Amino acid sequence: RGYMSLALRTLVDEVLRQPGIWRAQADCAVENPASARVIEK
């Protein structure tokens, strides 16, 4: 339904506005393409 991509995008943008934060990252299992799509979105 797009909830997690929305949550992740919102928080990534929030942390990258913070002083001293230069990188946001996430990982997932190669066998979990649904999670990869969430992260890419």
Full PDB file with SEQRES, HELIX, SHEET, SSBOND, CRYST1, ORIGX, SCALE, CONECT and MASTER records, all heavy atoms in Angstrom:
SEQRES   1 A   41  ARG GLY TYR MET SER LEU ALA LEU ARG THR LEU VAL ASP          
SEQRES   2 A   41  GLU VAL LEU ARG GLN PRO GLY ILE TRP ARG ALA GLN ALA          
SEQRES   3 A   41  ASP CYS ALA VAL GLU ASN PRO ALA SER ALA ARG VAL ILE          
SEQRES   4 A   41  GLU LYS                                                      
HELIX    1 AA1 TYR A    3  LEU A   16  1                                  14    
HELIX    2 AA2 PRO A   33  GLU A   40  1                                   8    
CRYST1    1.000    1.000    1.000  90.00  90.00  90.00 P 1           1          
ORIGX1      1.000000  0.000000  0.000000        0.00000                         
ORIGX2      0.000000  1.000000  0.000000        0.00000                         
ORIGX3      0.000000  0.000000  1.000000        0.00000                         
SCALE1      1.000000  0.000000  0.000000        0.00000                         
SCALE2      0.000000  1.000000  0.000000        0.00000                         
SCALE3      0.000000  0.000000  1.000000        0.00000                         
ATOM      1  N   ARG A   1       0.816  -1.218   0.000  1.00  0.00           N  
ATOM      2  CA  ARG A   1       0.000   0.000   0.000  1.00  0.00           C  
ATOM      3  C   ARG A   1       0.849   1.268   0.000  1.00  0.00           C  
ATOM      4  O   ARG A   1       0.310   2.367   0.048  1.00  0.00           O  
ATOM      5  CB  ARG A   1      -0.911   0.025   1.223  1.00  0.00           C  
ATOM      6  CG  ARG A   1      -1.958  -1.065   1.244  1.00  0.00           C  
ATOM      7  CD  ARG A   1      -2.954  -0.715   2.317  1.00  0.00           C  
ATOM      8  NE  ARG A   1      -3.746  -1.837   2.736  1.00  0.00           N  
ATOM      9  CZ  ARG A   1      -4.572  -1.797   3.769  1.00  0.00           C  
ATOM     10  NH1 ARG A   1      -4.690  -0.696   4.484  1.00  0.00           N  
ATOM     11  NH2 ARG A   1      -5.279  -2.836   4.103  1.00  0.00           N  
ATOM     12  N   GLY A   2       2.180   1.098   0.013  1.00  0.00           N  
ATOM     13  CA  GLY A   2       3.070   2.250  -0.023  1.00  0.00           C  
ATOM     14  C   GLY A   2       3.369   2.878   1.324  1.00  0.00           C  
ATOM     15  O   GLY A   2       4.087   3.875   1.396  1.00  0.00           O  
ATOM     16  N   TYR A   3       2.847   2.300   2.403  1.00  0.00           N  
ATOM     17  CA  TYR A   3       3.060   2.879   3.729  1.00  0.00           C  
ATOM     18  C   TYR A   3       4.538   2.912   4.126  1.00  0.00           C  
ATOM     19  O   TYR A   3       5.039   3.917   4.620  1.00  0.00           O  
ATOM     20  CB  TYR A   3       2.289   2.105   4.802  1.00  0.00           C  
ATOM     21  CG  TYR A   3       0.804   2.299   4.781  1.00  0.00           C  
ATOM     22  CD1 TYR A   3      -0.053   1.213   4.654  1.00  0.00           C  
ATOM     23  CD2 TYR A   3       0.240   3.566   4.922  1.00  0.00           C  
ATOM     24  CE1 TYR A   3      -1.424   1.373   4.657  1.00  0.00           C  
ATOM     25  CE2 TYR A   3      -1.135   3.735   4.923  1.00  0.00           C  
ATOM     26  CZ  TYR A   3      -1.959   2.636   4.784  1.00  0.00           C  
ATOM     27  OH  TYR A   3      -3.317   2.802   4.793  1.00  0.00           O  
ATOM     28  N   MET A   4       5.223   1.778   3.949  1.00  0.00           N  
ATOM     29  CA  MET A   4       6.600   1.718   4.432  1.00  0.00           C  
ATOM     30  C   MET A   4       7.526   2.588   3.599  1.00  0.00           C  
ATOM     31  O   MET A   4       8.425   3.225   4.143  1.00  0.00           O  
ATOM     32  CB  MET A   4       7.101   0.273   4.484  1.00  0.00           C  
ATOM     33  CG  MET A   4       8.338   0.129   5.332  1.00  0.00           C  
ATOM     34  SD  MET A   4       8.183   0.774   7.042  1.00  0.00           S  
ATOM     35  CE  MET A   4       7.247  -0.531   7.823  1.00  0.00           C  
ATOM     36  N   SER A   5       7.324   2.641   2.296  1.00  0.00           N  
ATOM     37  CA  SER A   5       8.147   3.536   1.469  1.00  0.00           C  
ATOM     38  C   SER A   5       7.944   4.985   1.886  1.00  0.00           C  
ATOM     39  O   SER A   5       8.897   5.766   1.950  1.00  0.00           O  
ATOM     40  CB  SER A   5       7.821   3.370  -0.018  1.00  0.00           C  
ATOM     41  OG  SER A   5       8.218   2.110  -0.472  1.00  0.00           O  
ATOM     42  N   LEU A   6       6.699   5.343   2.178  1.00  0.00           N  
ATOM     43  CA  LEU A   6       6.396   6.696   2.634  1.00  0.00           C  
ATOM     44  C   LEU A   6       7.083   6.983   3.968  1.00  0.00           C  
ATOM     45  O   LEU A   6       7.711   8.034   4.151  1.00  0.00           O  
ATOM     46  CB  LEU A   6       4.885   6.881   2.763  1.00  0.00           C  
ATOM     47  CG  LEU A   6       4.392   8.208   3.344  1.00  0.00           C  
ATOM     48  CD1 LEU A   6       4.839   9.393   2.500  1.00  0.00           C  
ATOM     49  CD2 LEU A   6       2.863   8.181   3.471  1.00  0.00           C  
ATOM     50  N   ALA A   7       6.985   6.058   4.906  1.00  0.00           N  
ATOM     51  CA  ALA A   7       7.619   6.231   6.219  1.00  0.00           C  
ATOM     52  C   ALA A   7       9.132   6.340   6.077  1.00  0.00           C  
ATOM     53  O   ALA A   7       9.758   7.235   6.660  1.00  0.00           O  
ATOM     54  CB  ALA A   7       7.246   5.066   7.141  1.00  0.00           C  
ATOM     55  N   LEU A   8       9.717   5.458   5.288  1.00  0.00           N  
ATOM     56  CA  LEU A   8      11.164   5.452   5.117  1.00  0.00           C  
ATOM     57  C   LEU A   8      11.631   6.734   4.434  1.00  0.00           C  
ATOM     58  O   LEU A   8      12.585   7.379   4.892  1.00  0.00           O  
ATOM     59  CB  LEU A   8      11.599   4.208   4.333  1.00  0.00           C  
ATOM     60  CG  LEU A   8      13.099   4.032   4.101  1.00  0.00           C  
ATOM     61  CD1 LEU A   8      13.876   4.005   5.413  1.00  0.00           C  
ATOM     62  CD2 LEU A   8      13.351   2.755   3.298  1.00  0.00           C  
ATOM     63  N   ARG A   9      10.979   7.128   3.366  1.00  0.00           N  
ATOM     64  CA  ARG A   9      11.350   8.372   2.650  1.00  0.00           C  
ATOM     65  C   ARG A   9      11.250   9.584   3.585  1.00  0.00           C  
ATOM     66  O   ARG A   9      12.136  10.443   3.612  1.00  0.00           O  
ATOM     67  CB  ARG A   9      10.462   8.569   1.420  1.00  0.00           C  
ATOM     68  CG  ARG A   9      10.803   9.811   0.616  1.00  0.00           C  
ATOM     69  CD  ARG A   9       9.984   9.953  -0.668  1.00  0.00           C  
ATOM     70  NE  ARG A   9       8.562   9.818  -0.472  1.00  0.00           N  
ATOM     71  CZ  ARG A   9       7.822   8.781  -0.857  1.00  0.00           C  
ATOM     72  NH1 ARG A   9       8.362   7.764  -1.481  1.00  0.00           N  
ATOM     73  NH2 ARG A   9       6.516   8.754  -0.631  1.00  0.00           N  
ATOM     74  N   THR A  10      10.195   9.644   4.378  1.00  0.00           N  
ATOM     75  CA  THR A  10      10.004  10.755   5.312  1.00  0.00           C  
ATOM     76  C   THR A  10      11.128  10.820   6.331  1.00  0.00           C  
ATOM     77  O   THR A  10      11.695  11.897   6.581  1.00  0.00           O  
ATOM     78  CB  THR A  10       8.641  10.613   6.021  1.00  0.00           C  
ATOM     79  OG1 THR A  10       7.607  10.648   5.033  1.00  0.00           O  
ATOM     80  CG2 THR A  10       8.428  11.718   7.033  1.00  0.00           C  
ATOM     81  N   LEU A  11      11.487   9.680   6.909  1.00  0.00           N  
ATOM     82  CA  LEU A  11      12.528   9.672   7.930  1.00  0.00           C  
ATOM     83  C   LEU A  11      13.922   9.866   7.342  1.00  0.00           C  
ATOM     84  O   LEU A  11      14.779  10.511   7.962  1.00  0.00           O  
ATOM     85  CB  LEU A  11      12.461   8.402   8.766  1.00  0.00           C  
ATOM     86  CG  LEU A  11      11.245   8.309   9.688  1.00  0.00           C  
ATOM     87  CD1 LEU A  11      11.232   6.987  10.438  1.00  0.00           C  
ATOM     88  CD2 LEU A  11      11.203   9.476  10.666  1.00  0.00           C  
ATOM     89  N   VAL A  12      14.167   9.336   6.147  1.00  0.00           N  
ATOM     90  CA  VAL A  12      15.459   9.580   5.483  1.00  0.00           C  
ATOM     91  C   VAL A  12      15.638  11.075   5.255  1.00  0.00           C  
ATOM     92  O   VAL A  12      16.689  11.646   5.568  1.00  0.00           O  
ATOM     93  CB  VAL A  12      15.565   8.793   4.159  1.00  0.00           C  
ATOM     94  CG1 VAL A  12      16.711   9.310   3.292  1.00  0.00           C  
ATOM     95  CG2 VAL A  12      15.746   7.302   4.436  1.00  0.00           C  
ATOM     96  N   ASP A  13      14.606  11.726   4.732  1.00  0.00           N  
ATOM     97  CA  ASP A  13      14.686  13.173   4.516  1.00  0.00           C  
ATOM     98  C   ASP A  13      14.893  13.913   5.834  1.00  0.00           C  
ATOM     99  O   ASP A  13      15.669  14.867   5.900  1.00  0.00           O  
ATOM    100  CB  ASP A  13      13.425  13.685   3.811  1.00  0.00           C  
ATOM    101  CG  ASP A  13      13.327  13.214   2.366  1.00  0.00           C  
ATOM    102  OD1 ASP A  13      14.328  12.709   1.815  1.00  0.00           O  
ATOM    103  OD2 ASP A  13      12.227  13.336   1.789  1.00  0.00           O  
ATOM    104  N   GLU A  14      14.229  13.469   6.884  1.00  0.00           N  
ATOM    105  CA  GLU A  14      14.359  14.101   8.198  1.00  0.00           C  
ATOM    106  C   GLU A  14      15.787  13.995   8.732  1.00  0.00           C  
ATOM    107  O   GLU A  14      16.358  14.977   9.188  1.00  0.00           O  
ATOM    108  CB  GLU A  14      13.377  13.474   9.195  1.00  0.00           C  
ATOM    109  CG  GLU A  14      13.434  14.025  10.593  1.00  0.00           C  
ATOM    110  CD  GLU A  14      12.991  15.477  10.706  1.00  0.00           C  
ATOM    111  OE1 GLU A  14      12.080  15.899   9.967  1.00  0.00           O  
ATOM    112  OE2 GLU A  14      13.576  16.194  11.537  1.00  0.00           O  
ATOM    113  N   VAL A  15      16.370  12.800   8.681  1.00  0.00           N  
ATOM    114  CA  VAL A  15      17.713  12.647   9.252  1.00  0.00           C  
ATOM    115  C   VAL A  15      18.769  13.355   8.422  1.00  0.00           C  
ATOM    116  O   VAL A  15      19.747  13.874   8.966  1.00  0.00           O  
ATOM    117  CB  VAL A  15      18.107  11.168   9.511  1.00  0.00           C  
ATOM    118  CG1 VAL A  15      17.135  10.513  10.474  1.00  0.00           C  
ATOM    119  CG2 VAL A  15      18.267  10.373   8.237  1.00  0.00           C  
ATOM    120  N   LEU A  16      18.586  13.401   7.102  1.00  0.00           N  
ATOM    121  CA  LEU A  16      19.591  14.056   6.262  1.00  0.00           C  
ATOM    122  C   LEU A  16      19.558  15.579   6.404  1.00  0.00           C  
ATOM    123  O   LEU A  16      20.483  16.255   5.941  1.00  0.00           O  
ATOM    124  CB  LEU A  16      19.449  13.628   4.802  1.00  0.00           C  
ATOM    125  CG  LEU A  16      19.879  12.184   4.518  1.00  0.00           C  
ATOM    126  CD1 LEU A  16      19.621  11.814   3.062  1.00  0.00           C  
ATOM    127  CD2 LEU A  16      21.335  11.947   4.902  1.00  0.00           C  
ATOM    128  N   ARG A  17      18.537  16.117   7.043  1.00  0.00           N  
ATOM    129  CA  ARG A  17      18.503  17.551   7.360  1.00  0.00           C  
ATOM    130  C   ARG A  17      19.238  17.850   8.664  1.00  0.00           C  
ATOM    131  O   ARG A  17      19.488  19.005   8.994  1.00  0.00           O  
ATOM    132  CB  ARG A  17      17.057  18.042   7.488  1.00  0.00           C  
ATOM    133  CG  ARG A  17      16.331  18.223   6.178  1.00  0.00           C  
ATOM    134  CD  ARG A  17      15.031  18.990   6.364  1.00  0.00           C  
ATOM    135  NE  ARG A  17      14.016  18.244   7.072  1.00  0.00           N  
ATOM    136  CZ  ARG A  17      13.112  17.450   6.497  1.00  0.00           C  
ATOM    137  NH1 ARG A  17      13.094  17.317   5.186  1.00  0.00           N  
ATOM    138  NH2 ARG A  17      12.213  16.823   7.213  1.00  0.00           N  
ATOM    139  N   GLN A  18      19.549  16.825   9.414  1.00  0.00           N  
ATOM    140  CA  GLN A  18      20.162  16.993  10.734  1.00  0.00           C  
ATOM    141  C   GLN A  18      21.656  17.323  10.603  1.00  0.00           C  
ATOM    142  O   GLN A  18      22.356  16.739   9.771  1.00  0.00           O  
ATOM    143  CB  GLN A  18      20.014  15.707  11.549  1.00  0.00           C  
ATOM    144  CG  GLN A  18      18.592  15.270  11.768  1.00  0.00           C  
ATOM    145  CD  GLN A  18      17.952  15.962  12.949  1.00  0.00           C  
ATOM    146  OE1 GLN A  18      18.616  16.426  13.856  1.00  0.00           O  
ATOM    147  NE2 GLN A  18      16.640  16.021  12.924  1.00  0.00           N  
ATOM    148  N   PRO A  19      22.158  18.225  11.437  1.00  0.00           N  
ATOM    149  CA  PRO A  19      23.590  18.525  11.415  1.00  0.00           C  
ATOM    150  C   PRO A  19      24.413  17.272  11.720  1.00  0.00           C  
ATOM    151  O   PRO A  19      24.073  16.503  12.620  1.00  0.00           O  
ATOM    152  CB  PRO A  19      23.761  19.552  12.540  1.00  0.00           C  
ATOM    153  CG  PRO A  19      22.403  20.073  12.826  1.00  0.00           C  
ATOM    154  CD  PRO A  19      21.434  19.002  12.433  1.00  0.00           C  
ATOM    155  N   GLY A  20      25.454  17.069  10.958  1.00  0.00           N  
ATOM    156  CA  GLY A  20      26.369  15.962  11.202  1.00  0.00           C  
ATOM    157  C   GLY A  20      25.946  14.625  10.641  1.00  0.00           C  
ATOM    158  O   GLY A  20      26.692  13.647  10.744  1.00  0.00           O  
ATOM    159  N   ILE A  21      24.774  14.530  10.044  1.00  0.00           N  
ATOM    160  CA  ILE A  21      24.345  13.285   9.398  1.00  0.00           C  
ATOM    161  C   ILE A  21      24.550  13.435   7.893  1.00  0.00           C  
ATOM    162  O   ILE A  21      24.015  14.347   7.267  1.00  0.00           O  
ATOM    163  CB  ILE A  21      22.869  12.949   9.702  1.00  0.00           C  
ATOM    164  CG1 ILE A  21      22.671  12.724  11.210  1.00  0.00           C  
ATOM    165  CG2 ILE A  21      22.407  11.722   8.903  1.00  0.00           C  
ATOM    166  CD1 ILE A  21      23.431  11.542  11.792  1.00  0.00           C  
ATOM    167  N   TRP A  22      25.333  12.533   7.333  1.00  0.00           N  
ATOM    168  CA  TRP A  22      25.682  12.606   5.911  1.00  0.00           C  
ATOM    169  C   TRP A  22      25.169  11.422   5.106  1.00  0.00           C  
ATOM    170  O   TRP A  22      25.188  11.460   3.885  1.00  0.00           O  
ATOM    171  CB  TRP A  22      27.208  12.701   5.767  1.00  0.00           C  
ATOM    172  CG  TRP A  22      27.709  13.973   6.337  1.00  0.00           C  
ATOM    173  CD1 TRP A  22      28.162  14.188   7.613  1.00  0.00           C  
ATOM    174  CD2 TRP A  22      27.746  15.236   5.686  1.00  0.00           C  
ATOM    175  NE1 TRP A  22      28.489  15.501   7.781  1.00  0.00           N  
ATOM    176  CE2 TRP A  22      28.255  16.178   6.610  1.00  0.00           C  
ATOM    177  CE3 TRP A  22      27.407  15.683   4.402  1.00  0.00           C  
ATOM    178  CZ2 TRP A  22      28.422  17.509   6.304  1.00  0.00           C  
ATOM    179  CZ3 TRP A  22      27.585  17.014   4.096  1.00  0.00           C  
ATOM    180  CH2 TRP A  22      28.086  17.911   5.041  1.00  0.00           C  
ATOM    181  N   ARG A  23      24.728  10.381   5.807  1.00  0.00           N  
ATOM    182  CA  ARG A  23      24.356   9.156   5.102  1.00  0.00           C  
ATOM    183  C   ARG A  23      23.179   8.477   5.804  1.00  0.00           C  
ATOM    184  O   ARG A  23      23.149   8.375   7.026  1.00  0.00           O  
ATOM    185  CB  ARG A  23      25.569   8.226   5.091  1.00  0.00           C  
ATOM    186  CG  ARG A  23      25.355   6.876   4.486  1.00  0.00           C  
ATOM    187  CD  ARG A  23      26.658   6.060   4.615  1.00  0.00           C  
ATOM    188  NE  ARG A  23      26.463   4.725   4.142  1.00  0.00           N  
ATOM    189  CZ  ARG A  23      26.535   4.343   2.879  1.00  0.00           C  
ATOM    190  NH1 ARG A  23      26.809   5.224   1.937  1.00  0.00           N  
ATOM    191  NH2 ARG A  23      26.329   3.091   2.536  1.00  0.00           N  
ATOM    192  N   ALA A  24      22.231   8.009   5.002  1.00  0.00           N  
ATOM    193  CA  ALA A  24      21.130   7.161   5.474  1.00  0.00           C  
ATOM    194  C   ALA A  24      21.257   5.847   4.722  1.00  0.00           C  
ATOM    195  O   ALA A  24      21.501   5.863   3.504  1.00  0.00           O  
ATOM    196  CB  ALA A  24      19.789   7.818   5.192  1.00  0.00           C  
ATOM    197  N   GLN A  25      21.102   4.722   5.407  1.00  0.00           N  
ATOM    198  CA  GLN A  25      21.249   3.445   4.710  1.00  0.00           C  
ATOM    199  C   GLN A  25      20.276   2.406   5.236  1.00  0.00           C  
ATOM    200  O   GLN A  25      19.776   2.507   6.349  1.00  0.00           O  
ATOM    201  CB  GLN A  25      22.686   2.933   4.781  1.00  0.00           C  
ATOM    202  CG  GLN A  25      23.103   2.374   6.110  1.00  0.00           C  
ATOM    203  CD  GLN A  25      24.553   1.897   6.099  1.00  0.00           C  
ATOM    204  OE1 GLN A  25      25.441   2.559   5.566  1.00  0.00           O  
ATOM    205  NE2 GLN A  25      24.791   0.760   6.714  1.00  0.00           N  
ATOM    206  N   ALA A  26      20.023   1.423   4.401  1.00  0.00           N  
ATOM    207  CA  ALA A  26      19.177   0.280   4.746  1.00  0.00           C  
ATOM    208  C   ALA A  26      19.675  -0.910   3.939  1.00  0.00           C  
ATOM    209  O   ALA A  26      20.263  -0.735   2.863  1.00  0.00           O  
ATOM    210  CB  ALA A  26      17.710   0.565   4.417  1.00  0.00           C  
ATOM    211  N   ASP A  27      19.437  -2.094   4.453  1.00  0.00           N  
ATOM    212  CA  ASP A  27      19.795  -3.285   3.685  1.00  0.00           C  
ATOM    213  C   ASP A  27      18.667  -4.294   3.776  1.00  0.00           C  
ATOM    214  O   ASP A  27      17.753  -4.173   4.584  1.00  0.00           O  
ATOM    215  CB  ASP A  27      21.128  -3.875   4.138  1.00  0.00           C  
ATOM    216  CG  ASP A  27      21.144  -4.315   5.596  1.00  0.00           C  
ATOM    217  OD1 ASP A  27      20.069  -4.567   6.184  1.00  0.00           O  
ATOM    218  OD2 ASP A  27      22.236  -4.420   6.162  1.00  0.00           O  
ATOM    219  N   CYS A  28      18.733  -5.268   2.895  1.00  0.00           N  
ATOM    220  CA  CYS A  28      17.742  -6.348   2.896  1.00  0.00           C  
ATOM    221  C   CYS A  28      18.370  -7.585   2.290  1.00  0.00           C  
ATOM    222  O   CYS A  28      19.383  -7.504   1.584  1.00  0.00           O  
ATOM    223  CB  CYS A  28      16.481  -5.942   2.130  1.00  0.00           C  
ATOM    224  SG  CYS A  28      16.707  -5.706   0.365  1.00  0.00           S  
ATOM    225  N   ALA A  29      17.778  -8.733   2.555  1.00  0.00           N  
ATOM    226  CA  ALA A  29      18.245  -9.987   1.979  1.00  0.00           C  
ATOM    227  C   ALA A  29      18.048  -9.967   0.468  1.00  0.00           C  
ATOM    228  O   ALA A  29      17.056  -9.427  -0.035  1.00  0.00           O  
ATOM    229  CB  ALA A  29      17.493 -11.163   2.596  1.00  0.00           C  
ATOM    230  N   VAL A  30      18.983 -10.538  -0.241  1.00  0.00           N  
ATOM    231  CA  VAL A  30      18.885 -10.625  -1.702  1.00  0.00           C  
ATOM    232  C   VAL A  30      17.579 -11.312  -2.111  1.00  0.00           C  
ATOM    233  O   VAL A  30      16.954 -10.935  -3.098  1.00  0.00           O  
ATOM    234  CB  VAL A  30      20.112 -11.383  -2.282  1.00  0.00           C  
ATOM    235  CG1 VAL A  30      19.911 -11.757  -3.730  1.00  0.00           C  
ATOM    236  CG2 VAL A  30      21.372 -10.557  -2.098  1.00  0.00           C  
ATOM    237  N   GLU A  31      17.144 -12.284  -1.312  1.00  0.00           N  
ATOM    238  CA  GLU A  31      15.932 -13.047  -1.621  1.00  0.00           C  
ATOM    239  C   GLU A  31      14.650 -12.325  -1.239  1.00  0.00           C  
ATOM    240  O   GLU A  31      13.575 -12.907  -1.311  1.00  0.00           O  
ATOM    241  CB  GLU A  31      15.961 -14.405  -0.902  1.00  0.00           C  
ATOM    242  CG  GLU A  31      17.108 -15.291  -1.295  1.00  0.00           C  
ATOM    243  CD  GLU A  31      18.336 -15.085  -0.403  1.00  0.00           C  
ATOM    244  OE1 GLU A  31      18.371 -14.102   0.379  1.00  0.00           O  
ATOM    245  OE2 GLU A  31      19.266 -15.897  -0.498  1.00  0.00           O  
ATOM    246  N   ASN A  32      14.738 -11.062  -0.845  1.00  0.00           N  
ATOM    247  CA  ASN A  32      13.563 -10.305  -0.418  1.00  0.00           C  
ATOM    248  C   ASN A  32      13.339  -9.104  -1.347  1.00  0.00           C  
ATOM    249  O   ASN A  32      13.544  -7.952  -0.952  1.00  0.00           O  
ATOM    250  CB  ASN A  32      13.743  -9.849   1.040  1.00  0.00           C  
ATOM    251  CG  ASN A  32      12.497  -9.262   1.641  1.00  0.00           C  
ATOM    252  OD1 ASN A  32      11.479  -9.108   0.970  1.00  0.00           O  
ATOM    253  ND2 ASN A  32      12.565  -8.917   2.901  1.00  0.00           N  
ATOM    254  N   PRO A  33      12.891  -9.357  -2.585  1.00  0.00           N  
ATOM    255  CA  PRO A  33      12.721  -8.259  -3.545  1.00  0.00           C  
ATOM    256  C   PRO A  33      11.667  -7.231  -3.135  1.00  0.00           C  
ATOM    257  O   PRO A  33      11.765  -6.064  -3.498  1.00  0.00           O  
ATOM    258  CB  PRO A  33      12.345  -8.964  -4.849  1.00  0.00           C  
ATOM    259  CG  PRO A  33      11.783 -10.283  -4.429  1.00  0.00           C  
ATOM    260  CD  PRO A  33      12.510 -10.649  -3.164  1.00  0.00           C  
ATOM    261  N   ALA A  34      10.669  -7.637  -2.345  1.00  0.00           N  
ATOM    262  CA  ALA A  34       9.650  -6.675  -1.903  1.00  0.00           C  
ATOM    263  C   ALA A  34      10.284  -5.601  -1.027  1.00  0.00           C  
ATOM    264  O   ALA A  34       9.978  -4.415  -1.158  1.00  0.00           O  
ATOM    265  CB  ALA A  34       8.529  -7.396  -1.159  1.00  0.00           C  
ATOM    266  N   SER A  35      11.190  -6.002  -0.139  1.00  0.00           N  
ATOM    267  CA  SER A  35      11.866  -5.025   0.714  1.00  0.00           C  
ATOM    268  C   SER A  35      12.789  -4.135  -0.116  1.00  0.00           C  
ATOM    269  O   SER A  35      12.885  -2.928   0.125  1.00  0.00           O  
ATOM    270  CB  SER A  35      12.654  -5.733   1.812  1.00  0.00           C  
ATOM    271  OG  SER A  35      13.105  -4.801   2.763  1.00  0.00           O  
ATOM    272  N   ALA A  36      13.461  -4.704  -1.102  1.00  0.00           N  
ATOM    273  CA  ALA A  36      14.315  -3.902  -1.990  1.00  0.00           C  
ATOM    274  C   ALA A  36      13.485  -2.828  -2.689  1.00  0.00           C  
ATOM    275  O   ALA A  36      13.919  -1.675  -2.807  1.00  0.00           O  
ATOM    276  CB  ALA A  36      15.011  -4.804  -3.005  1.00  0.00           C  
ATOM    277  N   ARG A  37      12.272  -3.179  -3.128  1.00  0.00           N  
ATOM    278  CA  ARG A  37      11.400  -2.190  -3.789  1.00  0.00           C  
ATOM    279  C   ARG A  37      11.004  -1.078  -2.827  1.00  0.00           C  
ATOM    280  O   ARG A  37      10.941   0.099  -3.202  1.00  0.00           O  
ATOM    281  CB  ARG A  37      10.156  -2.865  -4.369  1.00  0.00           C  
ATOM    282  CG  ARG A  37      10.422  -3.577  -5.688  1.00  0.00           C  
ATOM    283  CD  ARG A  37       9.139  -3.979  -6.398  1.00  0.00           C  
ATOM    284  NE  ARG A  37       8.263  -4.814  -5.597  1.00  0.00           N  
ATOM    285  CZ  ARG A  37       8.370  -6.127  -5.442  1.00  0.00           C  
ATOM    286  NH1 ARG A  37       9.349  -6.770  -6.030  1.00  0.00           N  
ATOM    287  NH2 ARG A  37       7.513  -6.794  -4.709  1.00  0.00           N  
ATOM    288  N   VAL A  38      10.717  -1.426  -1.570  1.00  0.00           N  
ATOM    289  CA  VAL A  38      10.379  -0.419  -0.558  1.00  0.00           C  
ATOM    290  C   VAL A  38      11.512   0.592  -0.441  1.00  0.00           C  
ATOM    291  O   VAL A  38      11.302   1.805  -0.462  1.00  0.00           O  
ATOM    292  CB  VAL A  38      10.105  -1.086   0.820  1.00  0.00           C  
ATOM    293  CG1 VAL A  38      10.127  -0.067   1.940  1.00  0.00           C  
ATOM    294  CG2 VAL A  38       8.783  -1.831   0.801  1.00  0.00           C  
ATOM    295  N   ILE A  39      12.728   0.087  -0.329  1.00  0.00           N  
ATOM    296  CA  ILE A  39      13.898   0.952  -0.149  1.00  0.00           C  
ATOM    297  C   ILE A  39      14.125   1.825  -1.381  1.00  0.00           C  
ATOM    298  O   ILE A  39      14.409   3.019  -1.262  1.00  0.00           O  
ATOM    299  CB  ILE A  39      15.140   0.101   0.186  1.00  0.00           C  
ATOM    300  CG1 ILE A  39      14.918  -0.663   1.502  1.00  0.00           C  
ATOM    301  CG2 ILE A  39      16.378   0.974   0.277  1.00  0.00           C  
ATOM    302  CD1 ILE A  39      15.955  -1.746   1.774  1.00  0.00           C  
ATOM    303  N   GLU A  40      13.996   1.235  -2.555  1.00  0.00           N  
ATOM    304  CA  GLU A  40      14.183   2.000  -3.799  1.00  0.00           C  
ATOM    305  C   GLU A  40      13.118   3.086  -3.948  1.00  0.00           C  
ATOM    306  O   GLU A  40      13.428   4.216  -4.329  1.00  0.00           O  
ATOM    307  CB  GLU A  40      14.158   1.057  -5.000  1.00  0.00           C  
ATOM    308  CG  GLU A  40      15.386   0.171  -5.067  1.00  0.00           C  
ATOM    309  CD  GLU A  40      15.255  -0.994  -6.037  1.00  0.00           C  
ATOM    310  OE1 GLU A  40      14.176  -1.162  -6.666  1.00  0.00           O  
ATOM    311  OE2 GLU A  40      16.236  -1.755  -6.169  1.00  0.00           O  
ATOM    312  N   LYS A  41      11.861   2.762  -3.625  1.00  0.00           N  
ATOM    313  CA  LYS A  41      10.790   3.757  -3.705  1.00  0.00           C  
ATOM    314  C   LYS A  41      10.999   4.904  -2.728  1.00  0.00           C  
ATOM    315  O   LYS A  41      10.496   6.001  -2.930  1.00  0.00           O  
ATOM    316  CB  LYS A  41       9.423   3.105  -3.441  1.00  0.00           C  
ATOM    317  CG  LYS A  41       8.921   2.248  -4.571  1.00  0.00           C  
ATOM    318  CD  LYS A  41       7.583   1.657  -4.179  1.00  0.00           C  
ATOM    319  CE  LYS A  41       7.061   0.699  -5.204  1.00  0.00           C  
ATOM    320  NZ  LYS A  41       5.795   0.077  -4.771  1.00  0.00           N  
TER     321      LYS A  41                                                      
MASTER        0    0    0    2    0    0    0    6  320    1    0    4          
END                                                                             
